Amino acid sequence: MVRSFDERISLKLPMLSPAEQRVAYYFRDNREAVLVSSASALAEKASTSDATVIRTTKSLGYESLDALRQALAAELRSNLSPASRLTRTLSEVGDD
């Protein structure tokens, strides 16, 4: 069963170290930043190391930070409202 990003964090949070918990909370509260930031940039924002960012990613059940980003992006896309999806489609099509 595929769990949502929030479900993964909720389930794994009690098993994480305090530093990993900070990273998990940062991931949860700053999804867009996670999509575009490097591990070192995320570490700086979460007041930890890039190794802790990678460890947290793996503790949440993702193979890599890139895999986490892909899952998060897919989840964000699927949660868009129909109006948002229509607006995006119309802007992509343009005047055609």
PDB file of N, CA and C in Angstrom:
ATOM      1  N   MET A   1       0.840  -1.188   0.000  1.00  0.00           N
ATOM      2  CA  MET A   1       0.000   0.000   0.000  1.00  0.00           C
ATOM      3  C   MET A   1       0.882   1.247   0.000  1.00  0.00           C
ATOM      4  N   VAL A   2       0.631   2.142  -0.947  1.00  0.00           N
ATOM      5  CA  VAL A   2       1.392   3.382  -1.046  1.00  0.00           C
ATOM      6  C   VAL A   2       0.802   4.395  -0.068  1.00  0.00           C
ATOM      7  N   ARG A   3       1.651   4.926   0.764  1.00  0.00           N
ATOM      8  CA  ARG A   3       1.214   5.900   1.753  1.00  0.00           C
ATOM      9  C   ARG A   3       1.507   7.301   1.255  1.00  0.00           C
ATOM     10  N   SER A   4       0.683   8.265   1.713  1.00  0.00           N
ATOM     11  CA  SER A   4       0.936   9.654   1.364  1.00  0.00           C
ATOM     12  C   SER A   4       2.175  10.135   2.104  1.00  0.00           C
ATOM     13  N   PHE A   5       2.700  11.236   1.667  1.00  0.00           N
ATOM     14  CA  PHE A   5       3.878  11.831   2.284  1.00  0.00           C
ATOM     15  C   PHE A   5       3.619  12.117   3.767  1.00  0.00           C
ATOM     16  N   ASP A   6       2.468  12.703   4.071  1.00  0.00           N
ATOM     17  CA  ASP A   6       2.116  13.004   5.468  1.00  0.00           C
ATOM     18  C   ASP A   6       1.991  11.736   6.303  1.00  0.00           C
ATOM     19  N   GLU A   7       1.413  10.688   5.725  1.00  0.00           N
ATOM     20  CA  GLU A   7       1.280   9.419   6.448  1.00  0.00           C
ATOM     21  C   GLU A   7       2.643   8.821   6.767  1.00  0.00           C
ATOM     22  N   ARG A   8       3.556   8.870   5.800  1.00  0.00           N
ATOM     23  CA  ARG A   8       4.901   8.347   6.036  1.00  0.00           C
ATOM     24  C   ARG A   8       5.562   9.079   7.196  1.00  0.00           C
ATOM     25  N   ILE A   9       5.461  10.403   7.182  1.00  0.00           N
ATOM     26  CA  ILE A   9       6.085  11.184   8.247  1.00  0.00           C
ATOM     27  C   ILE A   9       5.449  10.851   9.586  1.00  0.00           C
ATOM     28  N   SER A  10       4.137  10.793   9.643  1.00  0.00           N
ATOM     29  CA  SER A  10       3.448  10.482  10.898  1.00  0.00           C
ATOM     30  C   SER A  10       3.845   9.115  11.436  1.00  0.00           C
ATOM     31  N   LEU A  11       3.948   8.121  10.565  1.00  0.00           N
ATOM     32  CA  LEU A  11       4.303   6.767  10.993  1.00  0.00           C
ATOM     33  C   LEU A  11       5.755   6.647  11.448  1.00  0.00           C
ATOM     34  N   LYS A  12       6.645   7.324  10.766  1.00  0.00           N
ATOM     35  CA  LYS A  12       8.076   7.169  11.032  1.00  0.00           C
ATOM     36  C   LYS A  12       8.611   8.140  12.083  1.00  0.00           C
ATOM     37  N   LEU A  13       7.919   9.240  12.330  1.00  0.00           N
ATOM     38  CA  LEU A  13       8.414  10.290  13.214  1.00  0.00           C
ATOM     39  C   LEU A  13       8.879   9.791  14.577  1.00  0.00           C
ATOM     40  N   PRO A  14       8.121   8.925  15.251  1.00  0.00           N
ATOM     41  CA  PRO A  14       8.571   8.467  16.575  1.00  0.00           C
ATOM     42  C   PRO A  14       9.889   7.694  16.548  1.00  0.00           C
ATOM     43  N   MET A  15      10.253   7.136  15.406  1.00  0.00           N
ATOM     44  CA  MET A  15      11.471   6.334  15.297  1.00  0.00           C
ATOM     45  C   MET A  15      12.685   7.159  14.882  1.00  0.00           C
ATOM     46  N   LEU A  16      12.478   8.429  14.552  1.00  0.00           N
ATOM     47  CA  LEU A  16      13.567   9.275  14.074  1.00  0.00           C
ATOM     48  C   LEU A  16      14.291   9.955  15.226  1.00  0.00           C
ATOM     49  N   SER A  17      15.572  10.240  15.002  1.00  0.00           N
ATOM     50  CA  SER A  17      16.341  11.010  15.983  1.00  0.00           C
ATOM     51  C   SER A  17      15.820  12.453  15.986  1.00  0.00           C
ATOM     52  N   PRO A  18      16.152  13.246  17.008  1.00  0.00           N
ATOM     53  CA  PRO A  18      15.703  14.647  17.026  1.00  0.00           C
ATOM     54  C   PRO A  18      16.113  15.433  15.773  1.00  0.00           C
ATOM     55  N   ALA A  19      17.334  15.224  15.286  1.00  0.00           N
ATOM     56  CA  ALA A  19      17.772  15.923  14.076  1.00  0.00           C
ATOM     57  C   ALA A  19      16.965  15.473  12.867  1.00  0.00           C
ATOM     58  N   GLU A  20      16.701  14.172  12.767  1.00  0.00           N
ATOM     59  CA  GLU A  20      15.896  13.659  11.660  1.00  0.00           C
ATOM     60  C   GLU A  20      14.458  14.163  11.754  1.00  0.00           C
ATOM     61  N   GLN A  21      13.945  14.305  12.951  1.00  0.00           N
ATOM     62  CA  GLN A  21      12.603  14.857  13.125  1.00  0.00           C
ATOM     63  C   GLN A  21      12.537  16.292  12.602  1.00  0.00           C
ATOM     64  N   ARG A  22      13.583  17.089  12.884  1.00  0.00           N
ATOM     65  CA  ARG A  22      13.620  18.470  12.364  1.00  0.00           C
ATOM     66  C   ARG A  22      13.556  18.461  10.844  1.00  0.00           C
ATOM     67  N   VAL A  23      14.317  17.558  10.242  1.00  0.00           N
ATOM     68  CA  VAL A  23      14.329  17.455   8.779  1.00  0.00           C
ATOM     69  C   VAL A  23      12.954  17.019   8.272  1.00  0.00           C
ATOM     70  N   ALA A  24      12.363  16.029   8.894  1.00  0.00           N
ATOM     71  CA  ALA A  24      11.037  15.551   8.470  1.00  0.00           C
ATOM     72  C   ALA A  24       9.997  16.662   8.573  1.00  0.00           C
ATOM     73  N   TYR A  25      10.033  17.425   9.664  1.00  0.00           N
ATOM     74  CA  TYR A  25       9.112  18.558   9.801  1.00  0.00           C
ATOM     75  C   TYR A  25       9.382  19.609   8.722  1.00  0.00           C
ATOM     76  N   TYR A  26      10.657  19.843   8.426  1.00  0.00           N
ATOM     77  CA  TYR A  26      10.988  20.802   7.374  1.00  0.00           C
ATOM     78  C   TYR A  26      10.453  20.310   6.033  1.00  0.00           C
ATOM     79  N   PHE A  27      10.662  19.022   5.749  1.00  0.00           N
ATOM     80  CA  PHE A  27      10.121  18.451   4.505  1.00  0.00           C
ATOM     81  C   PHE A  27       8.613  18.665   4.430  1.00  0.00           C
ATOM     82  N   ARG A  28       7.920  18.347   5.511  1.00  0.00           N
ATOM     83  CA  ARG A  28       6.458  18.436   5.542  1.00  0.00           C
ATOM     84  C   ARG A  28       5.973  19.877   5.336  1.00  0.00           C
ATOM     85  N   ASP A  29       6.660  20.822   5.957  1.00  0.00           N
ATOM     86  CA  ASP A  29       6.194  22.204   5.941  1.00  0.00           C
ATOM     87  C   ASP A  29       6.717  23.023   4.771  1.00  0.00           C
ATOM     88  N   ASN A  30       7.668  22.500   4.010  1.00  0.00           N
ATOM     89  CA  ASN A  30       8.297  23.266   2.923  1.00  0.00           C
ATOM     90  C   ASN A  30       8.458  22.406   1.678  1.00  0.00           C
ATOM     91  N   ARG A  31       7.386  21.833   1.239  1.00  0.00           N
ATOM     92  CA  ARG A  31       7.427  20.875   0.126  1.00  0.00           C
ATOM     93  C   ARG A  31       8.036  21.451  -1.152  1.00  0.00           C
ATOM     94  N   GLU A  32       7.682  22.684  -1.471  1.00  0.00           N
ATOM     95  CA  GLU A  32       8.208  23.278  -2.700  1.00  0.00           C
ATOM     96  C   GLU A  32       9.728  23.433  -2.612  1.00  0.00           C
ATOM     97  N   ALA A  33      10.245  23.813  -1.450  1.00  0.00           N
ATOM     98  CA  ALA A  33      11.693  23.944  -1.271  1.00  0.00           C
ATOM     99  C   ALA A  33      12.375  22.590  -1.427  1.00  0.00           C
ATOM    100  N   VAL A  34      11.744  21.541  -0.941  1.00  0.00           N
ATOM    101  CA  VAL A  34      12.311  20.195  -1.054  1.00  0.00           C
ATOM    102  C   VAL A  34      12.454  19.814  -2.529  1.00  0.00           C
ATOM    103  N   LEU A  35      11.517  20.238  -3.339  1.00  0.00           N
ATOM    104  CA  LEU A  35      11.549  19.888  -4.763  1.00  0.00           C
ATOM    105  C   LEU A  35      12.724  20.522  -5.500  1.00  0.00           C
ATOM    106  N   VAL A  36      13.198  21.673  -5.036  1.00  0.00           N
ATOM    107  CA  VAL A  36      14.204  22.408  -5.810  1.00  0.00           C
ATOM    108  C   VAL A  36      15.535  22.605  -5.097  1.00  0.00           C
ATOM    109  N   SER A  37      15.625  22.259  -3.829  1.00  0.00           N
ATOM    110  CA  SER A  37      16.850  22.522  -3.065  1.00  0.00           C
ATOM    111  C   SER A  37      17.754  21.296  -2.996  1.00  0.00           C
ATOM    112  N   SER A  38      19.045  21.560  -2.890  1.00  0.00           N
ATOM    113  CA  SER A  38      20.016  20.477  -2.714  1.00  0.00           C
ATOM    114  C   SER A  38      19.949  19.970  -1.277  1.00  0.00           C
ATOM    115  N   ALA A  39      20.568  18.829  -1.049  1.00  0.00           N
ATOM    116  CA  ALA A  39      20.610  18.266   0.300  1.00  0.00           C
ATOM    117  C   ALA A  39      21.311  19.224   1.256  1.00  0.00           C
ATOM    118  N   SER A  40      22.375  19.862   0.798  1.00  0.00           N
ATOM    119  CA  SER A  40      23.091  20.789   1.680  1.00  0.00           C
ATOM    120  C   SER A  40      22.262  22.031   1.985  1.00  0.00           C
ATOM    121  N   ALA A  41      21.505  22.527   1.006  1.00  0.00           N
ATOM    122  CA  ALA A  41      20.635  23.683   1.254  1.00  0.00           C
ATOM    123  C   ALA A  41      19.513  23.313   2.223  1.00  0.00           C
ATOM    124  N   LEU A  42      18.940  22.129   2.059  1.00  0.00           N
ATOM    125  CA  LEU A  42      17.896  21.673   2.980  1.00  0.00           C
ATOM    126  C   LEU A  42      18.466  21.495   4.382  1.00  0.00           C
ATOM    127  N   ALA A  43      19.684  20.972   4.461  1.00  0.00           N
ATOM    128  CA  ALA A  43      20.331  20.779   5.757  1.00  0.00           C
ATOM    129  C   ALA A  43      20.536  22.109   6.470  1.00  0.00           C
ATOM    130  N   GLU A  44      20.967  23.086   5.729  1.00  0.00           N
ATOM    131  CA  GLU A  44      21.186  24.417   6.325  1.00  0.00           C
ATOM    132  C   GLU A  44      19.884  24.977   6.868  1.00  0.00           C
ATOM    133  N   LYS A  45      18.814  24.841   6.113  1.00  0.00           N
ATOM    134  CA  LYS A  45      17.513  25.368   6.543  1.00  0.00           C
ATOM    135  C   LYS A  45      16.946  24.608   7.734  1.00  0.00           C
ATOM    136  N   ALA A  46      17.299  23.323   7.857  1.00  0.00           N
ATOM    137  CA  ALA A  46      16.815  22.502   8.972  1.00  0.00           C
ATOM    138  C   ALA A  46      17.824  22.453  10.126  1.00  0.00           C
ATOM    139  N   SER A  47      18.892  23.225  10.010  1.00  0.00           N
ATOM    140  CA  SER A  47      19.942  23.293  11.040  1.00  0.00           C
ATOM    141  C   SER A  47      20.547  21.924  11.343  1.00  0.00           C
ATOM    142  N   THR A  48      20.950  21.243  10.280  1.00  0.00           N
ATOM    143  CA  THR A  48      21.567  19.922  10.434  1.00  0.00           C
ATOM    144  C   THR A  48      22.551  19.702   9.295  1.00  0.00           C
ATOM    145  N   SER A  49      23.002  18.484   9.111  1.00  0.00           N
ATOM    146  CA  SER A  49      23.956  18.174   8.038  1.00  0.00           C
ATOM    147  C   SER A  49      23.248  17.564   6.833  1.00  0.00           C
ATOM    148  N   ASP A  50      23.945  17.595   5.693  1.00  0.00           N
ATOM    149  CA  ASP A  50      23.362  16.979   4.500  1.00  0.00           C
ATOM    150  C   ASP A  50      23.264  15.461   4.667  1.00  0.00           C
ATOM    151  N   ALA A  51      24.158  14.874   5.451  1.00  0.00           N
ATOM    152  CA  ALA A  51      24.066  13.430   5.728  1.00  0.00           C
ATOM    153  C   ALA A  51      22.776  13.108   6.481  1.00  0.00           C
ATOM    154  N   THR A  52      22.375  13.987   7.391  1.00  0.00           N
ATOM    155  CA  THR A  52      21.123  13.777   8.131  1.00  0.00           C
ATOM    156  C   THR A  52      19.926  13.901   7.206  1.00  0.00           C
ATOM    157  N   VAL A  53      19.997  14.799   6.241  1.00  0.00           N
ATOM    158  CA  VAL A  53      18.911  14.931   5.254  1.00  0.00           C
ATOM    159  C   VAL A  53      18.766  13.623   4.482  1.00  0.00           C
ATOM    160  N   ILE A  54      19.880  13.061   4.045  1.00  0.00           N
ATOM    161  CA  ILE A  54      19.843  11.801   3.289  1.00  0.00           C
ATOM    162  C   ILE A  54      19.378  10.655   4.189  1.00  0.00           C
ATOM    163  N   ARG A  55      19.865  10.605   5.415  1.00  0.00           N
ATOM    164  CA  ARG A  55      19.435   9.560   6.357  1.00  0.00           C
ATOM    165  C   ARG A  55      17.934   9.643   6.607  1.00  0.00           C
ATOM    166  N   THR A  56      17.429  10.865   6.781  1.00  0.00           N
ATOM    167  CA  THR A  56      15.991  11.056   7.009  1.00  0.00           C
ATOM    168  C   THR A  56      15.194  10.587   5.803  1.00  0.00           C
ATOM    169  N   THR A  57      15.670  10.927   4.626  1.00  0.00           N
ATOM    170  CA  THR A  57      15.017  10.501   3.391  1.00  0.00           C
ATOM    171  C   THR A  57      14.884   8.977   3.357  1.00  0.00           C
ATOM    172  N   LYS A  58      15.962   8.291   3.677  1.00  0.00           N
ATOM    173  CA  LYS A  58      15.949   6.822   3.663  1.00  0.00           C
ATOM    174  C   LYS A  58      15.091   6.278   4.802  1.00  0.00           C
ATOM    175  N   SER A  59      15.118   6.941   5.958  1.00  0.00           N
ATOM    176  CA  SER A  59      14.285   6.504   7.090  1.00  0.00           C
ATOM    177  C   SER A  59      12.799   6.633   6.776  1.00  0.00           C
ATOM    178  N   LEU A  60      12.454   7.562   5.908  1.00  0.00           N
ATOM    179  CA  LEU A  60      11.061   7.727   5.501  1.00  0.00           C
ATOM    180  C   LEU A  60      10.652   6.716   4.431  1.00  0.00           C
ATOM    181  N   GLY A  61      11.609   5.906   3.983  1.00  0.00           N
ATOM    182  CA  GLY A  61      11.281   4.838   3.042  1.00  0.00           C
ATOM    183  C   GLY A  61      11.580   5.144   1.589  1.00  0.00           C
ATOM    184  N   TYR A  62      12.324   6.212   1.329  1.00  0.00           N
ATOM    185  CA  TYR A  62      12.690   6.558  -0.045  1.00  0.00           C
ATOM    186  C   TYR A  62      14.118   6.109  -0.312  1.00  0.00           C
ATOM    187  N   GLU A  63      14.370   5.669  -1.520  1.00  0.00           N
ATOM    188  CA  GLU A  63      15.694   5.184  -1.899  1.00  0.00           C
ATOM    189  C   GLU A  63      16.727   6.307  -1.927  1.00  0.00           C
ATOM    190  N   SER A  64      16.267   7.509  -2.305  1.00  0.00           N
ATOM    191  CA  SER A  64      17.171   8.649  -2.435  1.00  0.00           C
ATOM    192  C   SER A  64      16.359   9.935  -2.307  1.00  0.00           C
ATOM    193  N   LEU A  65      17.066  11.055  -2.230  1.00  0.00           N
ATOM    194  CA  LEU A  65      16.389  12.348  -2.191  1.00  0.00           C
ATOM    195  C   LEU A  65      15.631  12.582  -3.493  1.00  0.00           C
ATOM    196  N   ASP A  66      16.208  12.138  -4.596  1.00  0.00           N
ATOM    197  CA  ASP A  66      15.527  12.273  -5.883  1.00  0.00           C
ATOM    198  C   ASP A  66      14.221  11.471  -5.902  1.00  0.00           C
ATOM    199  N   ALA A  67      14.227  10.270  -5.333  1.00  0.00           N
ATOM    200  CA  ALA A  67      13.006   9.456  -5.268  1.00  0.00           C
ATOM    201  C   ALA A  67      11.952  10.141  -4.407  1.00  0.00           C
ATOM    202  N   LEU A  68      12.376  10.748  -3.302  1.00  0.00           N
ATOM    203  CA  LEU A  68      11.443  11.505  -2.460  1.00  0.00           C
ATOM    204  C   LEU A  68      10.838  12.650  -3.252  1.00  0.00           C
ATOM    205  N   ARG A  69      11.688  13.373  -3.977  1.00  0.00           N
ATOM    206  CA  ARG A  69      11.205  14.503  -4.793  1.00  0.00           C
ATOM    207  C   ARG A  69      10.192  14.045  -5.838  1.00  0.00           C
ATOM    208  N   GLN A  70      10.479  12.936  -6.494  1.00  0.00           N
ATOM    209  CA  GLN A  70       9.562  12.434  -7.518  1.00  0.00           C
ATOM    210  C   GLN A  70       8.214  12.055  -6.914  1.00  0.00           C
ATOM    211  N   ALA A  71       8.241  11.388  -5.777  1.00  0.00           N
ATOM    212  CA  ALA A  71       6.986  11.009  -5.111  1.00  0.00           C
ATOM    213  C   ALA A  71       6.223  12.241  -4.635  1.00  0.00           C
ATOM    214  N   LEU A  72       6.943  13.204  -4.088  1.00  0.00           N
ATOM    215  CA  LEU A  72       6.315  14.426  -3.606  1.00  0.00           C
ATOM    216  C   LEU A  72       5.712  15.225  -4.757  1.00  0.00           C
ATOM    217  N   ALA A  73       6.427  15.324  -5.860  1.00  0.00           N
ATOM    218  CA  ALA A  73       5.911  16.041  -7.027  1.00  0.00           C
ATOM    219  C   ALA A  73       4.663  15.359  -7.581  1.00  0.00           C
ATOM    220  N   ALA A  74       4.683  14.038  -7.638  1.00  0.00           N
ATOM    221  CA  ALA A  74       3.511  13.300  -8.131  1.00  0.00           C
ATOM    222  C   ALA A  74       2.318  13.526  -7.217  1.00  0.00           C
ATOM    223  N   GLU A  75       2.558  13.525  -5.916  1.00  0.00           N
ATOM    224  CA  GLU A  75       1.476  13.752  -4.970  1.00  0.00           C
ATOM    225  C   GLU A  75       0.930  15.175  -5.077  1.00  0.00           C
ATOM    226  N   LEU A  76       1.815  16.149  -5.233  1.00  0.00           N
ATOM    227  CA  LEU A  76       1.369  17.536  -5.381  1.00  0.00           C
ATOM    228  C   LEU A  76       0.548  17.710  -6.658  1.00  0.00           C
ATOM    229  N   ARG A  77       0.986  17.054  -7.740  1.00  0.00           N
ATOM    230  CA  ARG A  77       0.230  17.135  -9.007  1.00  0.00           C
ATOM    231  C   ARG A  77      -1.150  16.512  -8.863  1.00  0.00           C
ATOM    232  N   SER A  78      -1.228  15.387  -8.193  1.00  0.00           N
ATOM    233  CA  SER A  78      -2.517  14.697  -8.069  1.00  0.00           C
ATOM    234  C   SER A  78      -3.482  15.429  -7.153  1.00  0.00           C
ATOM    235  N   ASN A  79      -2.938  16.296  -6.290  1.00  0.00           N
ATOM    236  CA  ASN A  79      -3.791  17.039  -5.362  1.00  0.00           C
ATOM    237  C   ASN A  79      -4.272  18.371  -5.899  1.00  0.00           C
ATOM    238  N   LEU A  80      -3.873  18.702  -7.117  1.00  0.00           N
ATOM    239  CA  LEU A  80      -4.343  19.957  -7.697  1.00  0.00           C
ATOM    240  C   LEU A  80      -5.848  19.886  -7.941  1.00  0.00           C
ATOM    241  N   SER A  81      -6.504  20.984  -7.734  1.00  0.00           N
ATOM    242  CA  SER A  81      -7.943  21.028  -7.991  1.00  0.00           C
ATOM    243  C   SER A  81      -8.193  20.968  -9.497  1.00  0.00           C
ATOM    244  N   PRO A  82      -9.397  20.561  -9.903  1.00  0.00           N
ATOM    245  CA  PRO A  82      -9.714  20.535 -11.337  1.00  0.00           C
ATOM    246  C   PRO A  82      -9.535  21.914 -11.988  1.00  0.00           C
ATOM    247  N   ALA A  83      -9.892  22.959 -11.271  1.00  0.00           N
ATOM    248  CA  ALA A  83      -9.733  24.311 -11.819  1.00  0.00           C
ATOM    249  C   ALA A  83      -8.264  24.633 -12.049  1.00  0.00           C
ATOM    250  N   SER A  84      -7.402  24.244 -11.125  1.00  0.00           N
ATOM    251  CA  SER A  84      -5.965  24.478 -11.276  1.00  0.00           C
ATOM    252  C   SER A  84      -5.409  23.691 -12.453  1.00  0.00           C
ATOM    253  N   ARG A  85      -5.868  22.435 -12.592  1.00  0.00           N
ATOM    254  CA  ARG A  85      -5.403  21.617 -13.710  1.00  0.00           C
ATOM    255  C   ARG A  85      -5.861  22.202 -15.046  1.00  0.00           C
ATOM    256  N   LEU A  86      -7.098  22.690 -15.111  1.00  0.00           N
ATOM    257  CA  LEU A  86      -7.609  23.284 -16.338  1.00  0.00           C
ATOM    258  C   LEU A  86      -6.821  24.544 -16.681  1.00  0.00           C
ATOM    259  N   THR A  87      -6.555  25.376 -15.700  1.00  0.00           N
ATOM    260  CA  THR A  87      -5.780  26.590 -15.921  1.00  0.00           C
ATOM    261  C   THR A  87      -4.395  26.255 -16.444  1.00  0.00           C
ATOM    262  N   ARG A  88      -3.742  25.250 -15.842  1.00  0.00           N
ATOM    263  CA  ARG A  88      -2.410  24.837 -16.288  1.00  0.00           C
ATOM    264  C   ARG A  88      -2.466  24.319 -17.716  1.00  0.00           C
ATOM    265  N   THR A  89      -3.460  23.512 -18.042  1.00  0.00           N
ATOM    266  CA  THR A  89      -3.589  22.954 -19.386  1.00  0.00           C
ATOM    267  C   THR A  89      -3.807  24.057 -20.403  1.00  0.00           C
ATOM    268  N   LEU A  90      -4.680  24.998 -20.082  1.00  0.00           N
ATOM    269  CA  LEU A  90      -4.932  26.101 -21.009  1.00  0.00           C
ATOM    270  C   LEU A  90      -3.687  26.951 -21.236  1.00  0.00           C
ATOM    271  N   SER A  91      -2.912  27.167 -20.200  1.00  0.00           N
ATOM    272  CA  SER A  91      -1.687  27.956 -20.370  1.00  0.00           C
ATOM    273  C   SER A  91      -0.657  27.193 -21.197  1.00  0.00           C
ATOM    274  N   GLU A  92      -0.631  25.864 -21.089  1.00  0.00           N
ATOM    275  CA  GLU A  92       0.293  25.042 -21.875  1.00  0.00           C
ATOM    276  C   GLU A  92      -0.119  25.020 -23.341  1.00  0.00           C
ATOM    277  N   VAL A  93      -1.419  24.988 -23.600  1.00  0.00           N
ATOM    278  CA  VAL A  93      -1.907  24.940 -24.977  1.00  0.00           C
ATOM    279  C   VAL A  93      -1.740  26.290 -25.660  1.00  0.00           C
ATOM    280  N   GLY A  94      -1.951  27.356 -24.919  1.00  0.00           N
ATOM    281  CA  GLY A  94      -1.823  28.700 -25.494  1.00  0.00           C
ATOM    282  C   GLY A  94      -2.995  29.020 -26.386  1.00  0.00           C
ATOM    283  N   ASP A  95      -2.726  29.655 -27.503  1.00  0.00           N
ATOM    284  CA  ASP A  95      -3.780  30.099 -28.421  1.00  0.00           C
ATOM    285  C   ASP A  95      -4.146  29.042 -29.452  1.00  0.00           C
ATOM    286  N   ASP A  96      -3.578  27.850 -29.361  1.00  0.00           N
ATOM    287  CA  ASP A  96      -3.833  26.819 -30.378  1.00  0.00           C
ATOM    288  C   ASP A  96      -5.247  26.324 -30.322  1.00  0.00           C
TER     289      ASP A  96
END
